[in-house]
Protein backbone atom coordinates (compact mmCIF):
# COMPACT_ATOMS: atom_id res chain seq x y z
CA UNK A 1 -26.97 13.94 0.28
CA UNK A 2 -26.18 11.00 1.96
CA UNK A 3 -23.18 9.88 3.83
CA UNK A 4 -19.76 9.27 1.53
CA UNK A 5 -18.65 6.84 3.91
CA UNK A 6 -20.80 5.06 6.84
CA UNK A 7 -18.59 2.73 9.15
CA UNK A 8 -20.58 1.05 11.32
CA UNK A 9 -19.83 -0.72 14.33
CA UNK A 10 -16.84 -2.59 12.79
CA UNK A 11 -14.72 -5.02 15.07
CA UNK A 12 -11.48 -7.18 13.86
CA UNK A 13 -9.27 -9.48 16.00
CA UNK A 14 -5.95 -10.85 14.61
CA UNK A 15 -5.34 -14.40 15.94
CA UNK A 16 -8.34 -14.99 17.69
CA UNK A 17 -8.22 -17.60 20.44
CA UNK A 18 -3.72 -17.33 20.12
CA UNK A 19 -1.29 -15.74 22.35
CA UNK A 20 -0.80 -13.26 20.02
CA UNK A 21 -4.80 -12.01 20.01
CA UNK A 22 -5.13 -8.37 19.50
CA UNK A 23 -7.99 -6.35 19.12
CA UNK A 24 -7.27 -3.85 16.13
CA UNK A 25 -10.83 -2.30 16.17
CA UNK A 26 -13.59 -2.58 18.65
CA UNK A 27 -16.68 -1.28 17.99
CA UNK A 28 -15.49 1.56 15.70
CA UNK A 29 -18.24 3.84 13.83
CA UNK A 30 -17.66 6.95 11.56
CA UNK A 31 -19.68 8.71 8.87
CA UNK A 32 -17.78 11.07 6.69
CA UNK A 33 -19.74 13.48 4.17
CA UNK A 34 -18.88 13.81 0.33
CA UNK A 35 -15.99 16.43 1.10
CA UNK A 36 -14.72 15.90 4.41
CA UNK A 37 -11.12 15.63 4.40
CA UNK A 38 -9.95 13.88 7.86
CA UNK A 39 -6.87 13.01 9.66
CA UNK A 40 -6.31 10.05 11.73
CA UNK A 41 -4.06 10.16 14.55
CA UNK A 42 -3.04 8.36 17.58
CA UNK A 43 -0.18 5.73 18.88
CA UNK A 44 0.90 3.02 17.62
CA UNK A 45 -1.94 0.07 17.55
CA UNK A 46 -4.32 2.41 17.91
CA UNK A 47 -6.19 0.91 14.48
CA UNK A 48 -5.51 3.75 12.28
CA UNK A 49 -3.75 1.59 9.12
CA UNK A 50 -6.61 -0.95 10.30
CA UNK A 51 -9.12 1.08 9.51
CA UNK A 52 -7.87 2.02 5.90
CA UNK A 53 -7.54 -1.82 5.25
CA UNK A 54 -10.56 -2.41 6.61
CA UNK A 55 -11.91 0.25 3.99
CA UNK A 56 -9.29 -0.98 1.36
CA UNK A 57 -10.81 -4.84 1.64
CA UNK A 58 -6.94 -6.03 2.36
CA UNK A 59 -8.95 -8.21 4.92
CA UNK A 60 -12.68 -8.65 5.70
CA UNK A 61 -13.99 -7.32 9.06
CA UNK A 62 -15.24 -9.75 11.98
CA UNK A 63 -18.47 -7.71 12.17
CA UNK A 64 -19.95 -4.75 11.23
CA UNK A 65 -20.65 -2.89 8.00
CA UNK A 66 -18.77 -0.05 5.30
CA UNK A 67 -20.91 1.16 2.55
CA UNK A 68 -19.31 3.76 0.30
CA UNK A 69 -21.84 6.49 -1.61
CA UNK A 70 -24.36 4.12 -0.54
CA UNK A 71 -23.47 1.15 -1.80
CA UNK A 72 -22.15 -1.88 1.16
CA UNK A 73 -19.28 -2.95 0.62
CA UNK A 74 -18.32 -5.15 3.44
CA UNK A 75 -18.10 -8.03 2.02
CA UNK A 76 -16.44 -7.28 -1.53
CA UNK A 77 -13.17 -8.53 -2.00
CA UNK A 78 -10.14 -6.02 -2.63
CA UNK A 79 -10.34 -5.81 -6.11
CA UNK A 80 -13.76 -4.99 -6.68
CA UNK A 81 -13.67 -2.14 -3.83
CA UNK A 82 -10.43 -0.72 -6.26
CA UNK A 83 -12.95 1.58 -8.53
CA UNK A 84 -14.42 3.26 -5.72
CA UNK A 85 -10.93 4.04 -3.76
CA UNK A 86 -7.62 5.65 -4.69
CA UNK A 87 -4.83 4.62 -2.21
CA UNK A 88 -1.44 6.03 -1.28
CA UNK A 89 0.99 4.17 0.65
CA UNK A 90 3.97 5.35 3.09
CA UNK A 91 6.05 3.39 1.18
CA UNK A 92 6.82 5.29 -2.20
CA UNK A 93 7.36 2.32 -4.27
CA UNK A 94 4.26 0.93 -3.80
CA UNK A 95 2.55 2.79 -5.92
CA UNK A 96 4.18 2.73 -9.08
CA UNK A 97 5.61 0.38 -11.51
CA UNK A 98 9.42 1.43 -10.94
CA UNK A 99 10.81 -0.29 -14.33
CA UNK A 100 7.61 1.89 -16.66
CA UNK A 101 7.61 5.64 -17.37
CA UNK A 102 5.55 8.18 -16.07
CA UNK A 103 3.00 8.20 -19.01
CA UNK A 104 2.58 4.35 -19.11
CA UNK A 105 1.81 4.39 -15.39
CA UNK A 106 -0.66 7.04 -15.53
CA UNK A 107 -2.53 5.56 -18.06
CA UNK A 108 -2.45 2.77 -16.65
CA UNK A 109 -4.66 4.49 -13.55
CA UNK A 110 -6.26 6.29 -16.36
CA UNK A 111 -7.69 3.12 -17.86
CA UNK A 112 -8.41 1.58 -14.32
CA UNK A 113 -11.51 -0.53 -14.40
CA UNK A 114 -11.36 -0.94 -18.73
CA UNK A 115 -10.68 -4.01 -20.08
CA UNK A 116 -7.62 -3.35 -22.40
CA UNK A 117 -4.54 -2.88 -20.70
CA UNK A 118 -1.57 -0.60 -22.92
CA UNK A 119 -1.70 -2.94 -25.96
CA UNK A 120 -3.14 0.40 -28.02
CA UNK A 121 -0.49 2.44 -26.91
CA UNK A 122 -0.80 6.19 -25.30
CA UNK A 123 -3.01 8.21 -27.43
CA UNK A 124 -2.11 11.86 -28.19
CA UNK A 125 -5.25 13.25 -26.01
CA UNK A 126 -4.17 11.26 -23.41
CA UNK A 127 -0.40 12.28 -23.27
CA UNK A 128 -1.33 15.94 -23.16
CA UNK A 129 -3.84 15.45 -20.32
CA UNK A 130 -1.08 14.04 -18.42
CA UNK A 131 1.38 17.05 -19.14
CA UNK A 132 -1.31 19.29 -18.16
CA UNK A 133 -1.87 17.53 -14.98
CA UNK A 134 2.10 17.07 -13.85
CA UNK A 135 2.24 20.99 -14.84
CA UNK A 136 -0.15 21.41 -11.80
CA UNK A 137 2.72 19.82 -9.45
CA UNK A 138 5.42 22.40 -10.69
CA UNK A 139 8.20 19.86 -9.72
CA UNK A 140 9.28 20.01 -14.04
CA UNK A 141 7.86 16.28 -14.23
CA UNK A 142 5.64 17.28 -17.37
CA UNK A 143 9.09 17.45 -19.49
CA UNK A 144 9.67 14.04 -17.89
CA UNK A 145 6.95 11.60 -19.34
CA UNK A 146 8.58 8.94 -20.50
CA UNK A 147 10.99 9.00 -17.54
CA UNK A 148 10.82 5.47 -15.79
CA UNK A 149 9.28 6.31 -12.64
CA UNK A 150 12.18 4.35 -10.84
CA UNK A 151 14.60 7.11 -11.57
CA UNK A 152 12.59 9.37 -9.68
CA UNK A 153 13.28 10.27 -5.90
CA UNK A 154 10.73 8.92 -3.15
CA UNK A 155 8.75 12.55 -3.15
CA UNK A 156 8.15 12.75 -7.13
CA UNK A 157 6.95 9.18 -6.79
CA UNK A 158 4.39 10.21 -4.02
CA UNK A 159 3.56 13.14 -5.96
CA UNK A 160 2.98 10.84 -9.14
CA UNK A 161 0.69 8.49 -6.95
CA UNK A 162 -1.67 11.14 -5.70
CA UNK A 163 -2.33 11.93 -9.25
CA UNK A 164 -2.76 8.42 -10.73
CA UNK A 165 -4.94 7.54 -7.08
CA UNK A 166 -6.94 10.87 -8.10
CA UNK A 167 -7.19 10.47 -12.03
CA UNK A 168 -10.55 8.30 -11.79
CA UNK A 169 -12.37 10.62 -9.14
CA UNK A 170 -12.52 7.92 -6.88
CA UNK A 171 -14.91 8.12 -4.01
CA UNK A 172 -12.66 8.23 -1.24
CA UNK A 173 -8.87 8.79 -1.19
CA UNK A 174 -7.16 6.84 1.13
CA UNK A 175 -3.98 8.49 2.27
CA UNK A 176 -1.48 5.61 4.54
CA UNK A 177 1.04 7.93 6.41
CA UNK A 178 2.11 9.26 2.81
CA UNK A 179 4.90 11.26 3.91
CA UNK A 180 6.64 9.28 6.74
CA UNK A 181 8.93 7.99 4.81
CA UNK A 182 10.27 11.25 2.78
CA UNK A 183 12.71 14.33 4.54
CA UNK A 184 10.21 17.12 6.31
CA UNK A 185 10.83 19.46 3.42
CA UNK A 186 10.02 17.20 0.43
CA UNK A 187 6.79 15.89 2.99
CA UNK A 188 5.69 19.52 3.11
CA UNK A 189 5.60 19.68 -0.49
CA UNK A 190 3.48 16.08 -0.81
CA UNK A 191 0.89 17.63 1.51
CA UNK A 192 0.30 20.65 -0.43
CA UNK A 193 -0.12 18.92 -3.38
CA UNK A 194 -2.19 16.21 -1.67
CA UNK A 195 -4.35 19.30 -0.41
CA UNK A 196 -4.48 20.80 -3.95
CA UNK A 197 -5.43 17.50 -5.31
CA UNK A 198 -8.24 16.82 -2.96
CA UNK A 199 -9.42 20.49 -3.10
CA UNK A 200 -9.94 20.33 -6.88
CA UNK A 201 -11.01 17.26 -7.33
CA UNK A 202 -13.54 17.51 -4.61
CA UNK A 203 -12.43 13.96 -3.17
CA UNK A 204 -13.12 12.53 0.12
CA UNK A 205 -10.04 11.41 1.71
CA UNK A 206 -8.60 10.33 4.98
CA UNK A 207 -5.05 10.65 6.10
CA UNK A 208 -3.54 8.60 8.82
CA UNK A 209 -0.49 10.75 9.84
CA UNK A 210 1.94 10.37 12.96
CA UNK A 211 2.56 14.26 12.61
CA UNK A 212 0.36 16.14 14.98
CA UNK A 213 1.26 19.51 13.84
CA UNK A 214 0.22 18.20 10.04
CA UNK A 215 -3.11 16.46 11.23
CA UNK A 216 -4.25 20.01 12.54
CA UNK A 217 -2.99 22.04 9.77
CA UNK A 218 -4.43 19.98 6.75
CA UNK A 219 -8.09 18.83 6.37
CA UNK A 220 -11.36 20.07 7.95
CA UNK A 221 -12.07 17.32 10.66
CA UNK A 222 -9.38 15.46 13.13
CA UNK A 223 -10.03 12.06 14.93
CA UNK A 224 -7.65 10.68 17.28
CA UNK A 225 -8.06 6.66 18.00
CA UNK A 226 -7.15 4.53 20.57
CA UNK A 227 -7.04 0.50 21.19
CA UNK A 228 -9.51 0.34 17.91
CA UNK A 229 -11.78 3.21 18.81
CA UNK A 230 -12.41 6.70 17.98
CA UNK A 231 -11.60 8.62 21.05
CA UNK A 232 -12.13 12.22 19.93
CA UNK A 233 -13.56 13.78 16.74
CA UNK A 234 -13.28 17.63 16.08
CA UNK A 235 -13.98 19.38 13.17
CA UNK A 236 -14.03 23.15 11.31
CA UNK A 237 -13.04 26.42 13.04
CA UNK A 238 -12.74 24.34 16.84
CA UNK A 239 -9.72 22.04 14.98
CA UNK A 240 -8.29 24.89 13.15
CA UNK A 241 -7.89 26.41 16.81
CA UNK A 242 -6.16 22.77 17.93
CA UNK A 243 -2.72 23.25 19.47
CA UNK A 244 -0.59 20.05 19.50
CA UNK A 245 -1.02 20.26 23.69
CA UNK A 246 -4.49 20.15 23.25
CA UNK A 247 -4.26 16.64 21.14
CA UNK A 248 -1.45 15.35 23.80
CA UNK A 249 -3.94 16.18 26.90
CA UNK A 250 -6.76 14.93 25.33
CA UNK A 251 -4.72 11.71 24.75
CA UNK A 252 -3.74 11.89 28.17
CA UNK A 253 -7.40 12.22 29.63
CA UNK A 254 -8.34 9.07 27.53
CA UNK A 255 -5.50 6.76 27.92
CA UNK A 256 -4.55 7.38 31.41
CA UNK A 257 -1.38 9.40 30.69
CA UNK A 258 0.71 6.48 28.51
CA UNK A 259 1.32 9.36 25.65
CA UNK A 260 4.53 9.65 26.92
CA UNK A 261 6.19 6.75 26.07
CA UNK A 262 4.90 7.11 22.52
CA UNK A 263 7.63 8.62 20.62
CA UNK A 264 6.18 7.97 17.40
CA UNK A 265 3.07 10.66 18.16
CA UNK A 266 5.71 13.46 19.00
CA UNK A 267 7.83 13.01 15.77
């Protein structure tokens, strides 16, 4: 079996040749096997979200290749990649349409890539399916299908967004600090839901997080980024045995000890 994701030596510089020039990705390479769930950590400006944006096609890379399940998507525009990817952002407002009901939001996700919109209405079969999926979240949302999403809490919205992102079994699920805006208890719940959805659908996933404990506790592989490169890549049993102190030590070793100033990492 081939890789689900191959990132080959990608580079990205923002504002090249200006005083604001920023090298965001500096020859980064990464291969993910099908079913890998990788957590990504690193200081501010390490290139974590930039990597997810590169995969999603928010802009094109300057150099290198991005291949998803054998298809080279390097030069595809963002909307043409949407069929391969599911994505959940930091802001719970981003992934759903606030003025539409839960079932309408889910129907849009379920029909992504099909020509017709919601003109046909939502079928009984779809409603039943949505209700079953919502029930598994254990948030009582299966009784609130017609509730406008804007009335839900941040955690409920992220949970619905996760369901929507997984509905079409994307090749790759991208989670960009998707619990950072939530209180710790809600964040923990949304992470558990993420684990469950990834596992049950057999998804390949990447999760950017600022929380080292979460990065260790979730997924089967952890990578640390620094200055646009991967500096540490650990998986399986070795990852499970990690402590936050190990990650801090690793970071200090490669960066010459600038970790102390990086408040975000310790949050």
